[in-house]
Amino acid sequence: MKYILIGIVAGFLSFAFHVKAQDIDIQQRTYTKGLLCANHPDLINNLNTQHSQARKWWAINSEKELVELFVNNESGAWTLIITNGEKFSCALIGGANSGANYDIESTIQ
């Protein structure tokens, strides 16, 4: 069952866009990457306790998946995760620091 869920999530994570704007032709491509996945509470607990990251932003995408940004205010480290309807989450991407020159608390409502 776990591998079926990983396959479903991987399918959802296939980024495919086709946009034509201002003479820029963005082509449809598939981007596949190894992901770290777990059930939502376990992944959130790991981000909070092991990485001191807290949720700073969230949204629901067109596939009705929850997309969340977690940030460590001290170091600037961040992680972007996506969660499906079965509360199975994967870390899409993250970084050691944001490179931002602003206080994140002042930009997040």
N, C-alpha and C. Protein backbone atom coordinates (compact mmCIF):
# COMPACT_ATOMS: atom_id res chain seq x y z
N MET A 1 0.82 -1.19 0.00
CA MET A 1 0.00 0.00 0.00
C MET A 1 0.87 1.25 0.00
N LYS A 2 1.98 1.21 0.78
CA LYS A 2 2.88 2.35 0.86
C LYS A 2 3.44 2.69 -0.52
N TYR A 3 3.82 1.67 -1.29
CA TYR A 3 4.40 1.91 -2.60
C TYR A 3 3.36 2.42 -3.59
N ILE A 4 2.12 2.00 -3.41
CA ILE A 4 1.04 2.52 -4.25
C ILE A 4 0.87 4.00 -3.98
N LEU A 5 0.87 4.39 -2.70
CA LEU A 5 0.75 5.80 -2.34
C LEU A 5 1.91 6.62 -2.88
N ILE A 6 3.12 6.07 -2.79
CA ILE A 6 4.28 6.78 -3.33
C ILE A 6 4.13 6.97 -4.84
N GLY A 7 3.63 5.94 -5.52
CA GLY A 7 3.39 6.05 -6.96
C GLY A 7 2.36 7.10 -7.30
N ILE A 8 1.29 7.15 -6.49
CA ILE A 8 0.25 8.15 -6.72
C ILE A 8 0.80 9.55 -6.50
N VAL A 9 1.54 9.72 -5.40
CA VAL A 9 2.13 11.03 -5.11
C VAL A 9 3.11 11.43 -6.21
N ALA A 10 3.93 10.48 -6.66
CA ALA A 10 4.89 10.78 -7.72
C ALA A 10 4.16 11.23 -8.99
N GLY A 11 3.02 10.60 -9.28
CA GLY A 11 2.22 11.01 -10.43
C GLY A 11 1.70 12.42 -10.28
N PHE A 12 1.26 12.76 -9.07
CA PHE A 12 0.78 14.12 -8.82
C PHE A 12 1.90 15.14 -8.94
N LEU A 13 3.12 14.71 -8.65
CA LEU A 13 4.24 15.64 -8.64
C LEU A 13 4.89 15.83 -10.00
N SER A 14 4.36 15.19 -11.02
CA SER A 14 4.88 15.40 -12.36
C SER A 14 4.44 16.78 -12.82
N PHE A 15 5.38 17.65 -12.87
CA PHE A 15 5.08 19.02 -13.22
C PHE A 15 4.98 19.16 -14.73
N ALA A 16 3.79 19.49 -15.22
CA ALA A 16 3.58 19.64 -16.65
C ALA A 16 2.80 20.91 -16.91
N PHE A 17 3.43 21.84 -17.61
CA PHE A 17 2.79 23.11 -17.90
C PHE A 17 3.02 23.43 -19.38
N HIS A 18 2.06 24.10 -19.98
CA HIS A 18 2.25 24.61 -21.33
C HIS A 18 1.66 26.01 -21.37
N VAL A 19 2.53 26.99 -21.43
CA VAL A 19 2.11 28.38 -21.37
C VAL A 19 2.78 29.14 -22.49
N LYS A 20 2.06 30.03 -23.12
CA LYS A 20 2.61 30.90 -24.15
C LYS A 20 2.33 32.33 -23.73
N ALA A 21 3.38 33.10 -23.43
CA ALA A 21 3.20 34.48 -22.98
C ALA A 21 4.36 35.33 -23.49
N GLN A 22 4.04 36.44 -24.07
CA GLN A 22 5.02 37.42 -24.53
C GLN A 22 6.15 36.77 -25.33
N ASP A 23 5.80 35.98 -26.31
CA ASP A 23 6.78 35.32 -27.18
C ASP A 23 7.72 34.37 -26.46
N ILE A 24 7.36 33.96 -25.26
CA ILE A 24 8.14 32.96 -24.53
C ILE A 24 7.35 31.66 -24.58
N ASP A 25 7.95 30.66 -25.16
CA ASP A 25 7.28 29.37 -25.26
C ASP A 25 7.83 28.45 -24.18
N ILE A 26 7.04 28.22 -23.15
CA ILE A 26 7.43 27.30 -22.08
C ILE A 26 6.91 25.93 -22.46
N GLN A 27 7.82 24.99 -22.59
CA GLN A 27 7.47 23.67 -23.10
C GLN A 27 7.07 22.73 -21.98
N GLN A 28 6.23 21.77 -22.33
CA GLN A 28 5.81 20.75 -21.38
C GLN A 28 6.97 19.80 -21.11
N ARG A 29 7.29 19.62 -19.84
CA ARG A 29 8.37 18.72 -19.44
C ARG A 29 7.93 17.98 -18.19
N THR A 30 8.57 16.88 -17.90
CA THR A 30 8.33 16.13 -16.67
C THR A 30 9.61 16.16 -15.86
N TYR A 31 9.49 16.53 -14.59
CA TYR A 31 10.63 16.60 -13.69
C TYR A 31 10.41 15.58 -12.59
N THR A 32 11.32 14.64 -12.47
CA THR A 32 11.19 13.60 -11.46
C THR A 32 12.41 13.63 -10.55
N LYS A 33 12.16 13.53 -9.26
CA LYS A 33 13.23 13.62 -8.27
C LYS A 33 12.89 12.69 -7.11
N GLY A 34 13.89 12.10 -6.49
CA GLY A 34 13.66 11.30 -5.29
C GLY A 34 13.14 12.20 -4.18
N LEU A 35 12.10 11.76 -3.47
CA LEU A 35 11.48 12.58 -2.44
C LEU A 35 11.51 11.89 -1.09
N LEU A 36 11.54 12.68 -0.03
CA LEU A 36 11.39 12.15 1.32
C LEU A 36 9.92 12.26 1.68
N CYS A 37 9.29 11.14 2.01
CA CYS A 37 7.85 11.11 2.25
C CYS A 37 7.52 10.39 3.56
N ALA A 38 6.42 10.80 4.17
CA ALA A 38 5.92 10.17 5.40
C ALA A 38 4.49 10.63 5.60
N ASN A 39 3.81 10.06 6.59
CA ASN A 39 2.48 10.58 6.85
C ASN A 39 2.64 12.00 7.40
N HIS A 40 1.63 12.84 7.19
CA HIS A 40 1.73 14.27 7.47
C HIS A 40 2.17 14.57 8.90
N PRO A 41 1.54 13.99 9.94
CA PRO A 41 1.98 14.32 11.30
C PRO A 41 3.44 13.99 11.58
N ASP A 42 3.92 12.86 11.05
CA ASP A 42 5.32 12.48 11.27
C ASP A 42 6.29 13.44 10.57
N LEU A 43 5.97 13.82 9.33
CA LEU A 43 6.85 14.74 8.60
C LEU A 43 6.87 16.11 9.26
N ILE A 44 5.71 16.61 9.69
CA ILE A 44 5.63 17.91 10.37
C ILE A 44 6.40 17.85 11.68
N ASN A 45 6.24 16.79 12.43
CA ASN A 45 6.96 16.64 13.70
C ASN A 45 8.47 16.65 13.47
N ASN A 46 8.93 15.98 12.41
CA ASN A 46 10.35 15.97 12.09
C ASN A 46 10.84 17.37 11.74
N LEU A 47 10.09 18.10 10.93
CA LEU A 47 10.50 19.46 10.57
C LEU A 47 10.56 20.36 11.81
N ASN A 48 9.59 20.21 12.70
CA ASN A 48 9.56 21.02 13.92
C ASN A 48 10.69 20.67 14.88
N THR A 49 10.84 19.39 15.20
CA THR A 49 11.78 19.00 16.25
C THR A 49 13.22 18.86 15.77
N GLN A 50 13.44 18.29 14.60
CA GLN A 50 14.80 18.07 14.12
C GLN A 50 15.40 19.27 13.39
N HIS A 51 14.53 20.09 12.78
CA HIS A 51 15.02 21.19 11.94
C HIS A 51 14.55 22.57 12.41
N SER A 52 13.78 22.60 13.49
CA SER A 52 13.24 23.86 14.04
C SER A 52 12.52 24.69 12.98
N GLN A 53 11.81 23.99 12.10
CA GLN A 53 11.06 24.68 11.06
C GLN A 53 9.58 24.70 11.42
N ALA A 54 8.95 25.84 11.21
CA ALA A 54 7.52 25.99 11.46
C ALA A 54 6.83 26.43 10.17
N ARG A 55 5.55 26.09 10.05
CA ARG A 55 4.80 26.45 8.85
C ARG A 55 4.62 27.95 8.78
N LYS A 56 4.97 28.53 7.62
CA LYS A 56 4.85 29.96 7.41
C LYS A 56 3.85 30.32 6.32
N TRP A 57 3.50 29.33 5.49
CA TRP A 57 2.59 29.60 4.37
C TRP A 57 1.98 28.28 3.95
N TRP A 58 0.74 28.34 3.45
CA TRP A 58 0.08 27.15 2.91
C TRP A 58 -0.89 27.56 1.82
N ALA A 59 -1.22 26.61 0.95
CA ALA A 59 -2.19 26.82 -0.12
C ALA A 59 -2.73 25.47 -0.56
N ILE A 60 -3.85 25.48 -1.26
CA ILE A 60 -4.41 24.29 -1.87
C ILE A 60 -4.21 24.45 -3.38
N ASN A 61 -3.59 23.46 -4.02
CA ASN A 61 -3.35 23.56 -5.46
C ASN A 61 -4.56 23.06 -6.26
N SER A 62 -4.44 23.09 -7.56
CA SER A 62 -5.55 22.70 -8.44
C SER A 62 -5.90 21.22 -8.33
N GLU A 63 -4.99 20.41 -7.79
CA GLU A 63 -5.25 18.98 -7.59
C GLU A 63 -5.82 18.70 -6.21
N LYS A 64 -6.17 19.77 -5.48
CA LYS A 64 -6.72 19.68 -4.12
C LYS A 64 -5.71 19.08 -3.13
N GLU A 65 -4.42 19.35 -3.37
CA GLU A 65 -3.36 18.93 -2.47
C GLU A 65 -2.94 20.13 -1.62
N LEU A 66 -2.52 19.87 -0.40
CA LEU A 66 -2.04 20.92 0.49
C LEU A 66 -0.56 21.15 0.22
N VAL A 67 -0.19 22.40 -0.04
CA VAL A 67 1.21 22.77 -0.26
C VAL A 67 1.60 23.68 0.90
N GLU A 68 2.72 23.36 1.58
CA GLU A 68 3.12 24.13 2.76
C GLU A 68 4.60 24.50 2.69
N LEU A 69 4.91 25.68 3.21
CA LEU A 69 6.29 26.14 3.32
C LEU A 69 6.64 26.20 4.80
N PHE A 70 7.72 25.51 5.18
CA PHE A 70 8.23 25.51 6.55
C PHE A 70 9.57 26.23 6.55
N VAL A 71 9.79 27.09 7.57
CA VAL A 71 11.00 27.89 7.62
C VAL A 71 11.56 27.88 9.03
N ASN A 72 12.89 27.84 9.13
CA ASN A 72 13.59 28.03 10.40
C ASN A 72 13.96 29.51 10.45
N ASN A 73 13.35 30.26 11.37
CA ASN A 73 13.59 31.71 11.44
C ASN A 73 15.02 32.06 11.82
N GLU A 74 15.70 31.18 12.54
CA GLU A 74 17.08 31.46 12.96
C GLU A 74 18.06 31.33 11.80
N SER A 75 17.98 30.20 11.09
CA SER A 75 18.97 29.91 10.05
C SER A 75 18.49 30.28 8.64
N GLY A 76 17.19 30.41 8.47
CA GLY A 76 16.65 30.67 7.13
C GLY A 76 16.41 29.40 6.33
N ALA A 77 16.74 28.22 6.90
CA ALA A 77 16.50 26.95 6.20
C ALA A 77 15.01 26.79 5.95
N TRP A 78 14.66 26.17 4.82
CA TRP A 78 13.26 26.05 4.44
C TRP A 78 12.99 24.72 3.75
N THR A 79 11.72 24.31 3.80
CA THR A 79 11.28 23.07 3.15
C THR A 79 9.89 23.31 2.59
N LEU A 80 9.66 22.87 1.37
CA LEU A 80 8.35 22.94 0.73
C LEU A 80 7.80 21.52 0.67
N ILE A 81 6.61 21.30 1.24
CA ILE A 81 6.02 19.95 1.22
C ILE A 81 4.65 19.99 0.54
N ILE A 82 4.24 18.82 0.08
CA ILE A 82 2.93 18.66 -0.55
C ILE A 82 2.27 17.44 0.09
N THR A 83 0.96 17.55 0.35
CA THR A 83 0.22 16.49 1.02
C THR A 83 -1.02 16.14 0.21
N ASN A 84 -1.25 14.85 -0.01
CA ASN A 84 -2.44 14.44 -0.76
C ASN A 84 -3.63 14.27 0.17
N GLY A 85 -4.77 13.88 -0.37
CA GLY A 85 -6.00 13.74 0.40
C GLY A 85 -5.95 12.65 1.46
N GLU A 86 -4.99 11.75 1.36
CA GLU A 86 -4.83 10.68 2.34
C GLU A 86 -3.83 11.05 3.43
N LYS A 87 -3.47 12.32 3.51
CA LYS A 87 -2.54 12.87 4.50
C LYS A 87 -1.15 12.24 4.41
N PHE A 88 -0.74 11.92 3.18
CA PHE A 88 0.60 11.42 2.91
C PHE A 88 1.39 12.58 2.31
N SER A 89 2.51 12.94 2.93
CA SER A 89 3.26 14.14 2.56
C SER A 89 4.64 13.80 2.01
N CYS A 90 5.12 14.67 1.11
CA CYS A 90 6.47 14.54 0.58
C CYS A 90 7.13 15.91 0.58
N ALA A 91 8.42 15.93 0.95
CA ALA A 91 9.20 17.16 0.88
C ALA A 91 9.65 17.33 -0.57
N LEU A 92 9.16 18.37 -1.23
CA LEU A 92 9.48 18.59 -2.64
C LEU A 92 10.88 19.13 -2.82
N ILE A 93 11.23 20.12 -2.00
CA ILE A 93 12.51 20.80 -2.14
C ILE A 93 12.78 21.56 -0.86
N GLY A 94 14.02 21.86 -0.61
CA GLY A 94 14.39 22.64 0.57
C GLY A 94 15.74 23.29 0.35
N GLY A 95 16.11 24.15 1.27
CA GLY A 95 17.38 24.84 1.14
C GLY A 95 17.97 25.21 2.49
N ALA A 96 19.28 25.45 2.48
CA ALA A 96 19.98 25.79 3.71
C ALA A 96 19.63 27.19 4.19
N ASN A 97 19.35 28.08 3.28
CA ASN A 97 18.92 29.42 3.67
C ASN A 97 18.12 30.04 2.55
N SER A 98 17.34 31.04 2.89
CA SER A 98 16.45 31.62 1.89
C SER A 98 17.12 32.71 1.06
N GLY A 99 18.20 33.26 1.58
CA GLY A 99 18.86 34.35 0.87
C GLY A 99 18.07 35.64 0.93
N ALA A 100 16.97 35.64 1.67
CA ALA A 100 16.12 36.82 1.75
C ALA A 100 16.72 37.83 2.71
N ASN A 101 16.55 39.08 2.39
CA ASN A 101 17.04 40.16 3.24
C ASN A 101 15.89 40.85 3.94
N TYR A 102 14.93 40.08 4.41
CA TYR A 102 13.79 40.65 5.10
C TYR A 102 13.38 39.72 6.23
N ASP A 103 12.61 40.28 7.14
CA ASP A 103 12.09 39.51 8.26
C ASP A 103 10.89 38.73 7.78
N ILE A 104 10.96 37.41 7.79
CA ILE A 104 9.87 36.59 7.25
C ILE A 104 8.58 36.80 8.03
N GLU A 105 8.69 37.10 9.33
CA GLU A 105 7.49 37.32 10.12
C GLU A 105 6.68 38.52 9.61
N SER A 106 7.36 39.48 9.03
CA SER A 106 6.65 40.68 8.56
C SER A 106 5.95 40.44 7.23
N THR A 107 6.30 39.35 6.53
CA THR A 107 5.70 39.10 5.22
C THR A 107 4.63 38.02 5.24
N ILE A 108 4.58 37.24 6.31
CA ILE A 108 3.62 36.14 6.40
C ILE A 108 2.43 36.59 7.24
N GLN A 109 1.26 36.47 6.68
CA GLN A 109 0.05 36.87 7.41
C GLN A 109 -0.62 35.67 8.01
